[in-house]
């Protein structure tokens, strides 16, 4: 099974890039064009999940969490997703979308 950027997710990833939050837009300005010395990808597919930002070189996932992440169903989804990312050897960094 292909783990990164599965073809079936292509339209969803594109939609998420178009509909990103203000916080994601601001963060992307700092992460894009290798300004931090490493390359980040925006709305990058990892398994069945789509990470807000991903740096392959550092194996780093950055998530910007909106309100849905603080509801019980969102918390459960995040735990399952985080466990999958950790199983892939990835580090997860979360920011609050404020």
PDB file of N, CA and C in Angstrom:
ATOM      1  N   UNK A   1       0.840  -1.190   0.000  1.00  0.00           N
ATOM      2  CA  UNK A   1       0.000   0.000   0.000  1.00  0.00           C
ATOM      3  C   UNK A   1       0.881   1.248   0.000  1.00  0.00           C
ATOM      4  N   UNK A   2       0.546   2.161  -0.854  1.00  0.00           N
ATOM      5  CA  UNK A   2       1.251   3.444  -0.891  1.00  0.00           C
ATOM      6  C   UNK A   2       0.846   4.247   0.347  1.00  0.00           C
ATOM      7  N   UNK A   3       1.819   4.779   1.071  1.00  0.00           N
ATOM      8  CA  UNK A   3       1.527   5.493   2.315  1.00  0.00           C
ATOM      9  C   UNK A   3       1.328   6.985   2.078  1.00  0.00           C
ATOM     10  N   UNK A   4       2.075   7.582   1.154  1.00  0.00           N
ATOM     11  CA  UNK A   4       2.024   9.036   0.970  1.00  0.00           C
ATOM     12  C   UNK A   4       1.259   9.419  -0.294  1.00  0.00           C
ATOM     13  N   UNK A   5       0.432  10.453  -0.159  1.00  0.00           N
ATOM     14  CA  UNK A   5      -0.299  11.079  -1.274  1.00  0.00           C
ATOM     15  C   UNK A   5      -0.967  10.081  -2.217  1.00  0.00           C
ATOM     16  N   UNK A   6      -1.877   9.306  -1.661  1.00  0.00           N
ATOM     17  CA  UNK A   6      -2.626   8.367  -2.481  1.00  0.00           C
ATOM     18  C   UNK A   6      -3.471   9.135  -3.499  1.00  0.00           C
ATOM     19  N   UNK A   7      -3.540   8.608  -4.696  1.00  0.00           N
ATOM     20  CA  UNK A   7      -4.263   9.265  -5.792  1.00  0.00           C
ATOM     21  C   UNK A   7      -5.722   9.540  -5.420  1.00  0.00           C
ATOM     22  N   UNK A   8      -6.343   8.642  -4.674  1.00  0.00           N
ATOM     23  CA  UNK A   8      -7.751   8.789  -4.311  1.00  0.00           C
ATOM     24  C   UNK A   8      -7.996  10.052  -3.468  1.00  0.00           C
ATOM     25  N   UNK A   9      -6.972  10.559  -2.805  1.00  0.00           N
ATOM     26  CA  UNK A   9      -7.094  11.750  -1.946  1.00  0.00           C
ATOM     27  C   UNK A   9      -6.841  13.057  -2.694  1.00  0.00           C
ATOM     28  N   UNK A  10      -6.472  12.997  -3.947  1.00  0.00           N
ATOM     29  CA  UNK A  10      -6.010  14.190  -4.662  1.00  0.00           C
ATOM     30  C   UNK A  10      -7.014  15.337  -4.627  1.00  0.00           C
ATOM     31  N   UNK A  11      -8.275  15.089  -4.922  1.00  0.00           N
ATOM     32  CA  UNK A  11      -9.263  16.179  -4.937  1.00  0.00           C
ATOM     33  C   UNK A  11      -9.515  16.712  -3.529  1.00  0.00           C
ATOM     34  N   UNK A  12      -9.502  15.835  -2.524  1.00  0.00           N
ATOM     35  CA  UNK A  12      -9.696  16.278  -1.133  1.00  0.00           C
ATOM     36  C   UNK A  12      -8.532  17.158  -0.688  1.00  0.00           C
ATOM     37  N   UNK A  13      -7.297  16.769  -1.026  1.00  0.00           N
ATOM     38  CA  UNK A  13      -6.131  17.579  -0.665  1.00  0.00           C
ATOM     39  C   UNK A  13      -6.205  18.948  -1.325  1.00  0.00           C
ATOM     40  N   UNK A  14      -6.610  18.976  -2.579  1.00  0.00           N
ATOM     41  CA  UNK A  14      -6.746  20.240  -3.304  1.00  0.00           C
ATOM     42  C   UNK A  14      -7.815  21.127  -2.667  1.00  0.00           C
ATOM     43  N   UNK A  15      -8.935  20.520  -2.292  1.00  0.00           N
ATOM     44  CA  UNK A  15     -10.016  21.269  -1.637  1.00  0.00           C
ATOM     45  C   UNK A  15      -9.545  21.844  -0.303  1.00  0.00           C
ATOM     46  N   UNK A  16      -8.815  21.068   0.473  1.00  0.00           N
ATOM     47  CA  UNK A  16      -8.316  21.539   1.769  1.00  0.00           C
ATOM     48  C   UNK A  16      -7.337  22.699   1.596  1.00  0.00           C
ATOM     49  N   UNK A  17      -6.523  22.657   0.554  1.00  0.00           N
ATOM     50  CA  UNK A  17      -5.609  23.776   0.292  1.00  0.00           C
ATOM     51  C   UNK A  17      -6.390  25.043  -0.041  1.00  0.00           C
ATOM     52  N   UNK A  18      -7.477  24.897  -0.779  1.00  0.00           N
ATOM     53  CA  UNK A  18      -8.301  26.056  -1.161  1.00  0.00           C
ATOM     54  C   UNK A  18      -9.093  26.617   0.011  1.00  0.00           C
ATOM     55  N   UNK A  19      -9.517  25.742   0.923  1.00  0.00           N
ATOM     56  CA  UNK A  19     -10.391  26.141   2.029  1.00  0.00           C
ATOM     57  C   UNK A  19      -9.658  26.259   3.363  1.00  0.00           C
ATOM     58  N   UNK A  20      -8.377  26.527   3.352  1.00  0.00           N
ATOM     59  CA  UNK A  20      -7.608  26.541   4.601  1.00  0.00           C
ATOM     60  C   UNK A  20      -7.990  27.739   5.480  1.00  0.00           C
ATOM     61  N   UNK A  21      -7.752  27.573   6.764  1.00  0.00           N
ATOM     62  CA  UNK A  21      -8.074  28.621   7.740  1.00  0.00           C
ATOM     63  C   UNK A  21      -7.044  29.752   7.668  1.00  0.00           C
ATOM     64  N   UNK A  22      -7.380  30.861   8.270  1.00  0.00           N
ATOM     65  CA  UNK A  22      -6.468  32.014   8.322  1.00  0.00           C
ATOM     66  C   UNK A  22      -5.157  31.611   9.015  1.00  0.00           C
ATOM     67  N   UNK A  23      -5.268  30.842  10.098  1.00  0.00           N
ATOM     68  CA  UNK A  23      -4.069  30.394  10.820  1.00  0.00           C
ATOM     69  C   UNK A  23      -3.184  29.530   9.923  1.00  0.00           C
ATOM     70  N   UNK A  24      -3.798  28.656   9.120  1.00  0.00           N
ATOM     71  CA  UNK A  24      -3.020  27.828   8.197  1.00  0.00           C
ATOM     72  C   UNK A  24      -2.349  28.688   7.131  1.00  0.00           C
ATOM     73  N   UNK A  25      -3.043  29.706   6.646  1.00  0.00           N
ATOM     74  CA  UNK A  25      -2.458  30.613   5.654  1.00  0.00           C
ATOM     75  C   UNK A  25      -1.228  31.320   6.215  1.00  0.00           C
ATOM     76  N   UNK A  26      -1.352  31.814   7.441  1.00  0.00           N
ATOM     77  CA  UNK A  26      -0.235  32.528   8.077  1.00  0.00           C
ATOM     78  C   UNK A  26       0.946  31.581   8.290  1.00  0.00           C
ATOM     79  N   UNK A  27       0.669  30.407   8.824  1.00  0.00           N
ATOM     80  CA  UNK A  27       1.742  29.440   9.072  1.00  0.00           C
ATOM     81  C   UNK A  27       2.415  29.030   7.757  1.00  0.00           C
ATOM     82  N   UNK A  28       1.642  28.850   6.698  1.00  0.00           N
ATOM     83  CA  UNK A  28       2.205  28.455   5.408  1.00  0.00           C
ATOM     84  C   UNK A  28       3.166  29.507   4.869  1.00  0.00           C
ATOM     85  N   UNK A  29       2.886  30.771   5.143  1.00  0.00           N
ATOM     86  CA  UNK A  29       3.807  31.830   4.697  1.00  0.00           C
ATOM     87  C   UNK A  29       5.203  31.631   5.283  1.00  0.00           C
ATOM     88  N   UNK A  30       5.270  31.116   6.508  1.00  0.00           N
ATOM     89  CA  UNK A  30       6.568  30.894   7.160  1.00  0.00           C
ATOM     90  C   UNK A  30       7.200  29.558   6.758  1.00  0.00           C
ATOM     91  N   UNK A  31       6.367  28.575   6.443  1.00  0.00           N
ATOM     92  CA  UNK A  31       6.879  27.242   6.126  1.00  0.00           C
ATOM     93  C   UNK A  31       7.229  27.069   4.649  1.00  0.00           C
ATOM     94  N   UNK A  32       6.589  27.833   3.784  1.00  0.00           N
ATOM     95  CA  UNK A  32       6.769  27.635   2.344  1.00  0.00           C
ATOM     96  C   UNK A  32       8.131  28.135   1.862  1.00  0.00           C
ATOM     97  N   UNK A  33       8.487  27.678   0.681  1.00  0.00           N
ATOM     98  CA  UNK A  33       9.725  28.078  -0.001  1.00  0.00           C
ATOM     99  C   UNK A  33      10.981  27.829   0.843  1.00  0.00           C
ATOM    100  N   UNK A  34      10.958  26.810   1.664  1.00  0.00           N
ATOM    101  CA  UNK A  34      12.124  26.382   2.458  1.00  0.00           C
ATOM    102  C   UNK A  34      12.735  27.510   3.284  1.00  0.00           C
ATOM    103  N   UNK A  35      11.902  28.437   3.740  1.00  0.00           N
ATOM    104  CA  UNK A  35      12.404  29.569   4.517  1.00  0.00           C
ATOM    105  C   UNK A  35      13.066  29.137   5.825  1.00  0.00           C
ATOM    106  N   UNK A  36      12.683  27.969   6.343  1.00  0.00           N
ATOM    107  CA  UNK A  36      13.267  27.472   7.590  1.00  0.00           C
ATOM    108  C   UNK A  36      14.414  26.494   7.336  1.00  0.00           C
ATOM    109  N   UNK A  37      14.803  26.364   6.076  1.00  0.00           N
ATOM    110  CA  UNK A  37      15.915  25.478   5.738  1.00  0.00           C
ATOM    111  C   UNK A  37      15.496  24.058   5.415  1.00  0.00           C
ATOM    112  N   UNK A  38      14.213  23.758   5.510  1.00  0.00           N
ATOM    113  CA  UNK A  38      13.679  22.447   5.146  1.00  0.00           C
ATOM    114  C   UNK A  38      12.400  22.651   4.342  1.00  0.00           C
ATOM    115  N   UNK A  39      12.059  21.645   3.549  1.00  0.00           N
ATOM    116  CA  UNK A  39      10.873  21.745   2.703  1.00  0.00           C
ATOM    117  C   UNK A  39       9.651  21.182   3.422  1.00  0.00           C
ATOM    118  N   UNK A  40       8.567  21.945   3.394  1.00  0.00           N
ATOM    119  CA  UNK A  40       7.284  21.493   3.924  1.00  0.00           C
ATOM    120  C   UNK A  40       6.312  21.309   2.774  1.00  0.00           C
ATOM    121  N   UNK A  41       5.415  20.367   2.940  1.00  0.00           N
ATOM    122  CA  UNK A  41       4.329  20.151   1.985  1.00  0.00           C
ATOM    123  C   UNK A  41       3.018  20.446   2.698  1.00  0.00           C
ATOM    124  N   UNK A  42       2.104  21.040   1.971  1.00  0.00           N
ATOM    125  CA  UNK A  42       0.818  21.439   2.548  1.00  0.00           C
ATOM    126  C   UNK A  42      -0.254  20.432   2.147  1.00  0.00           C
ATOM    127  N   UNK A  43      -1.109  20.050   3.112  1.00  0.00           N
ATOM    128  CA  UNK A  43      -2.186  19.079   2.891  1.00  0.00           C
ATOM    129  C   UNK A  43      -1.624  17.831   2.214  1.00  0.00           C
ATOM    130  N   UNK A  44      -0.744  17.174   2.940  1.00  0.00           N
ATOM    131  CA  UNK A  44      -0.008  16.016   2.422  1.00  0.00           C
ATOM    132  C   UNK A  44      -0.640  14.725   2.937  1.00  0.00           C
ATOM    133  N   UNK A  45      -0.949  13.815   2.024  1.00  0.00           N
ATOM    134  CA  UNK A  45      -1.554  12.542   2.401  1.00  0.00           C
ATOM    135  C   UNK A  45      -0.550  11.605   3.047  1.00  0.00           C
ATOM    136  N   UNK A  46      -0.961  11.050   4.191  1.00  0.00           N
ATOM    137  CA  UNK A  46      -0.155  10.042   4.895  1.00  0.00           C
ATOM    138  C   UNK A  46      -1.124   8.932   5.283  1.00  0.00           C
ATOM    139  N   UNK A  47      -1.027   7.790   4.606  1.00  0.00           N
ATOM    140  CA  UNK A  47      -2.017   6.732   4.803  1.00  0.00           C
ATOM    141  C   UNK A  47      -3.382   7.242   4.373  1.00  0.00           C
ATOM    142  N   UNK A  48      -4.396   6.994   5.196  1.00  0.00           N
ATOM    143  CA  UNK A  48      -5.748   7.465   4.877  1.00  0.00           C
ATOM    144  C   UNK A  48      -5.984   8.885   5.380  1.00  0.00           C
ATOM    145  N   UNK A  49      -4.979   9.482   6.000  1.00  0.00           N
ATOM    146  CA  UNK A  49      -5.109  10.812   6.606  1.00  0.00           C
ATOM    147  C   UNK A  49      -4.422  11.875   5.752  1.00  0.00           C
ATOM    148  N   UNK A  50      -4.810  13.125   5.992  1.00  0.00           N
ATOM    149  CA  UNK A  50      -4.181  14.252   5.307  1.00  0.00           C
ATOM    150  C   UNK A  50      -3.657  15.207   6.376  1.00  0.00           C
ATOM    151  N   UNK A  51      -2.343  15.379   6.407  1.00  0.00           N
ATOM    152  CA  UNK A  51      -1.706  16.275   7.378  1.00  0.00           C
ATOM    153  C   UNK A  51      -1.755  17.701   6.854  1.00  0.00           C
ATOM    154  N   UNK A  52      -1.971  18.667   7.744  1.00  0.00           N
ATOM    155  CA  UNK A  52      -1.974  20.071   7.325  1.00  0.00           C
ATOM    156  C   UNK A  52      -0.634  20.438   6.690  1.00  0.00           C
ATOM    157  N   UNK A  53       0.455  20.088   7.373  1.00  0.00           N
ATOM    158  CA  UNK A  53       1.802  20.364   6.865  1.00  0.00           C
ATOM    159  C   UNK A  53       2.691  19.169   7.189  1.00  0.00           C
ATOM    160  N   UNK A  54       3.606  18.854   6.274  1.00  0.00           N
ATOM    161  CA  UNK A  54       4.497  17.721   6.484  1.00  0.00           C
ATOM    162  C   UNK A  54       5.887  18.052   5.964  1.00  0.00           C
ATOM    163  N   UNK A  55       6.899  17.756   6.786  1.00  0.00           N
ATOM    164  CA  UNK A  55       8.295  17.923   6.403  1.00  0.00           C
ATOM    165  C   UNK A  55       8.929  16.530   6.341  1.00  0.00           C
ATOM    166  N   UNK A  56       9.127  15.994   5.128  1.00  0.00           N
ATOM    167  CA  UNK A  56       9.690  14.649   5.008  1.00  0.00           C
ATOM    168  C   UNK A  56      11.086  14.518   5.609  1.00  0.00           C
ATOM    169  N   UNK A  57      11.912  15.546   5.445  1.00  0.00           N
ATOM    170  CA  UNK A  57      13.291  15.498   5.940  1.00  0.00           C
ATOM    171  C   UNK A  57      13.349  15.307   7.454  1.00  0.00           C
ATOM    172  N   UNK A  58      12.446  15.956   8.177  1.00  0.00           N
ATOM    173  CA  UNK A  58      12.421  15.877   9.641  1.00  0.00           C
ATOM    174  C   UNK A  58      11.369  14.901  10.157  1.00  0.00           C
ATOM    175  N   UNK A  59      10.588  14.306   9.233  1.00  0.00           N
ATOM    176  CA  UNK A  59       9.481  13.417   9.604  1.00  0.00           C
ATOM    177  C   UNK A  59       8.554  14.112  10.604  1.00  0.00           C
ATOM    178  N   UNK A  60       8.220  15.353  10.272  1.00  0.00           N
ATOM    179  CA  UNK A  60       7.435  16.215  11.150  1.00  0.00           C
ATOM    180  C   UNK A  60       6.085  16.536  10.524  1.00  0.00           C
ATOM    181  N   UNK A  61       5.027  16.296  11.290  1.00  0.00           N
ATOM    182  CA  UNK A  61       3.666  16.658  10.907  1.00  0.00           C
ATOM    183  C   UNK A  61       3.254  17.843  11.764  1.00  0.00           C
ATOM    184  N   UNK A  62       2.732  18.896  11.134  1.00  0.00           N
ATOM    185  CA  UNK A  62       2.203  20.045  11.868  1.00  0.00           C
ATOM    186  C   UNK A  62       0.714  20.126  11.586  1.00  0.00           C
ATOM    187  N   UNK A  63      -0.074  20.184  12.651  1.00  0.00           N
ATOM    188  CA  UNK A  63      -1.527  20.275  12.549  1.00  0.00           C
ATOM    189  C   UNK A  63      -2.004  21.576  13.175  1.00  0.00           C
ATOM    190  N   UNK A  64      -2.973  22.213  12.534  1.00  0.00           N
ATOM    191  CA  UNK A  64      -3.628  23.407  13.074  1.00  0.00           C
ATOM    192  C   UNK A  64      -5.047  22.974  13.420  1.00  0.00           C
ATOM    193  N   UNK A  65      -5.343  22.884  14.717  1.00  0.00           N
ATOM    194  CA  UNK A  65      -6.599  22.317  15.197  1.00  0.00           C
ATOM    195  C   UNK A  65      -7.688  23.364  15.369  1.00  0.00           C
ATOM    196  N   UNK A  66      -8.810  23.157  14.673  1.00  0.00           N
ATOM    197  CA  UNK A  66      -9.992  23.990  14.831  1.00  0.00           C
ATOM    198  C   UNK A  66     -10.895  23.438  15.922  1.00  0.00           C
ATOM    199  N   UNK A  67     -12.083  24.009  16.041  1.00  0.00           N
ATOM    200  CA  UNK A  67     -13.022  23.646  17.105  1.00  0.00           C
ATOM    201  C   UNK A  67     -13.394  22.167  17.124  1.00  0.00           C
ATOM    202  N   UNK A  68     -13.521  21.542  15.964  1.00  0.00           N
ATOM    203  CA  UNK A  68     -13.958  20.140  15.908  1.00  0.00           C
ATOM    204  C   UNK A  68     -12.983  19.200  16.618  1.00  0.00           C
ATOM    205  N   UNK A  69     -11.749  19.611  16.766  1.00  0.00           N
ATOM    206  CA  UNK A  69     -10.746  18.762  17.424  1.00  0.00           C
ATOM    207  C   UNK A  69     -10.957  18.683  18.933  1.00  0.00           C
ATOM    208  N   UNK A  70     -11.812  19.525  19.474  1.00  0.00           N
ATOM    209  CA  UNK A  70     -12.028  19.563  20.921  1.00  0.00           C
ATOM    210  C   UNK A  70     -13.348  18.931  21.318  1.00  0.00           C
ATOM    211  N   UNK A  71     -14.113  18.430  20.345  1.00  0.00           N
ATOM    212  CA  UNK A  71     -15.307  17.641  20.629  1.00  0.00           C
ATOM    213  C   UNK A  71     -14.855  16.198  20.817  1.00  0.00           C
ATOM    214  N   UNK A  72     -15.663  15.395  21.507  1.00  0.00           N
ATOM    215  CA  UNK A  72     -15.261  14.014  21.805  1.00  0.00           C
ATOM    216  C   UNK A  72     -14.918  13.221  20.543  1.00  0.00           C
ATOM    217  N   UNK A  73     -15.734  13.342  19.506  1.00  0.00           N
ATOM    218  CA  UNK A  73     -15.454  12.583  18.277  1.00  0.00           C
ATOM    219  C   UNK A  73     -14.150  13.055  17.634  1.00  0.00           C
ATOM    220  N   UNK A  74     -13.888  14.345  17.699  1.00  0.00           N
ATOM    221  CA  UNK A  74     -12.646  14.889  17.153  1.00  0.00           C
ATOM    222  C   UNK A  74     -11.430  14.433  17.935  1.00  0.00           C
ATOM    223  N   UNK A  75     -11.573  14.384  19.254  1.00  0.00           N
ATOM    224  CA  UNK A  75     -10.463  13.925  20.102  1.00  0.00           C
ATOM    225  C   UNK A  75     -10.119  12.469  19.797  1.00  0.00           C
ATOM    226  N   UNK A  76     -11.159  11.642  19.648  1.00  0.00           N
ATOM    227  CA  UNK A  76     -10.937  10.228  19.344  1.00  0.00           C
ATOM    228  C   UNK A  76     -10.259  10.074  17.980  1.00  0.00           C
ATOM    229  N   UNK A  77     -10.755  10.786  16.990  1.00  0.00           N
ATOM    230  CA  UNK A  77     -10.163  10.736  15.647  1.00  0.00           C
ATOM    231  C   UNK A  77      -8.695  11.156  15.697  1.00  0.00           C
ATOM    232  N   UNK A  78      -8.396  12.218  16.439  1.00  0.00           N
ATOM    233  CA  UNK A  78      -7.011  12.696  16.552  1.00  0.00           C
ATOM    234  C   UNK A  78      -6.112  11.661  17.217  1.00  0.00           C
ATOM    235  N   UNK A  79      -6.621  10.973  18.249  1.00  0.00           N
ATOM    236  CA  UNK A  79      -5.813   9.943  18.924  1.00  0.00           C
ATOM    237  C   UNK A  79      -5.477   8.800  17.961  1.00  0.00           C
ATOM    238  N   UNK A  80      -6.476   8.358  17.211  1.00  0.00           N
ATOM    239  CA  UNK A  80      -6.259   7.264  16.257  1.00  0.00           C
ATOM    240  C   UNK A  80      -5.268   7.701  15.178  1.00  0.00           C
ATOM    241  N   UNK A  81      -5.475   8.893  14.678  1.00  0.00           N
ATOM    242  CA  UNK A  81      -4.613   9.454  13.632  1.00  0.00           C
ATOM    243  C   UNK A  81      -3.187   9.642  14.140  1.00  0.00           C
ATOM    244  N   UNK A  82      -3.047  10.208  15.349  1.00  0.00           N
ATOM    245  CA  UNK A  82      -1.721  10.412  15.937  1.00  0.00           C
ATOM    246  C   UNK A  82      -0.997   9.088  16.136  1.00  0.00           C
ATOM    247  N   UNK A  83      -1.726   8.068  16.590  1.00  0.00           N
ATOM    248  CA  UNK A  83      -1.112   6.746  16.761  1.00  0.00           C
ATOM    249  C   UNK A  83      -0.579   6.220  15.433  1.00  0.00           C
ATOM    250  N   UNK A  84      -1.344   6.409  14.365  1.00  0.00           N
ATOM    251  CA  UNK A  84      -0.886   5.978  13.040  1.00  0.00           C
ATOM    252  C   UNK A  84       0.379   6.730  12.644  1.00  0.00           C
ATOM    253  N   UNK A  85       0.382   8.048  12.837  1.00  0.00           N
ATOM    254  CA  UNK A  85       1.560   8.847  12.485  1.00  0.00           C
ATOM    255  C   UNK A  85       2.787   8.386  13.277  1.00  0.00           C
ATOM    256  N   UNK A  86       2.609   8.142  14.562  1.00  0.00           N
ATOM    257  CA  UNK A  86       3.723   7.689  15.406  1.00  0.00           C
ATOM    258  C   UNK A  86       4.224   6.324  14.921  1.00  0.00           C
ATOM    259  N   UNK A  87       3.300   5.440  14.539  1.00  0.00           N
ATOM    260  CA  UNK A  87       3.700   4.132  14.001  1.00  0.00           C
ATOM    261  C   UNK A  87       4.533   4.277  12.727  1.00  0.00           C
ATOM    262  N   UNK A  88       4.330   5.365  11.998  1.00  0.00           N
ATOM    263  CA  UNK A  88       5.104   5.639  10.784  1.00  0.00           C
ATOM    264  C   UNK A  88       6.439   6.321  11.109  1.00  0.00           C
ATOM    265  N   UNK A  89       6.699   6.563  12.405  1.00  0.00           N
ATOM    266  CA  UNK A  89       7.947   7.200  12.812  1.00  0.00           C
ATOM    267  C   UNK A  89       7.917   8.714  12.720  1.00  0.00           C
ATOM    268  N   UNK A  90       6.713   9.298  12.733  1.00  0.00           N
ATOM    269  CA  UNK A  90       6.564  10.743  12.576  1.00  0.00           C
ATOM    270  C   UNK A  90       6.391  11.446  13.920  1.00  0.00           C
ATOM    271  N   UNK A  91       6.785  12.699  13.959  1.00  0.00           N
ATOM    272  CA  UNK A  91       6.604  13.577  15.120  1.00  0.00           C
ATOM    273  C   UNK A  91       5.432  14.498  14.797  1.00  0.00           C
ATOM    274  N   UNK A  92       4.552  14.736  15.766  1.00  0.00           N
ATOM    275  CA  UNK A  92       3.374  15.581  15.548  1.00  0.00           C
ATOM    276  C   UNK A  92       3.475  16.825  16.414  1.00  0.00           C
ATOM    277  N   UNK A  93       3.263  17.965  15.786  1.00  0.00           N
ATOM    278  CA  UNK A  93       3.239  19.255  16.479  1.00  0.00           C
ATOM    279  C   UNK A  93       1.883  19.884  16.195  1.00  0.00           C
ATOM    280  N   UNK A  94       1.154  20.262  17.261  1.00  0.00           N
ATOM    281  CA  UNK A  94      -0.196  20.815  17.101  1.00  0.00           C
ATOM    282  C   UNK A  94      -0.249  22.265  17.556  1.00  0.00           C
ATOM    283  N   UNK A  95      -0.995  23.063  16.787  1.00  0.00           N
ATOM    284  CA  UNK A  95      -1.281  24.449  17.142  1.00  0.00           C
ATOM    285  C   UNK A  95      -2.785  24.624  17.220  1.00  0.00           C
ATOM    286  N   UNK A  96      -3.229  25.534  18.070  1.00  0.00           N
ATOM    287  CA  UNK A  96      -4.648  25.873  18.172  1.00  0.00           C
ATOM    288  C   UNK A  96      -4.967  26.906  17.103  1.00  0.00           C
ATOM    289  N   UNK A  97      -6.075  26.709  16.409  1.00  0.00           N
ATOM    290  CA  UNK A  97      -6.487  27.603  15.328  1.00  0.00           C
ATOM    291  C   UNK A  97      -7.182  28.837  15.903  1.00  0.00           C
ATOM    292  N   UNK A  98      -6.403  29.761  16.434  1.00  0.00           N
ATOM    293  CA  UNK A  98      -6.944  31.021  16.978  1.00  0.00           C
ATOM    294  C   UNK A  98      -6.241  32.194  16.356  1.00  0.00           C
TER     295      UNK A  98
END
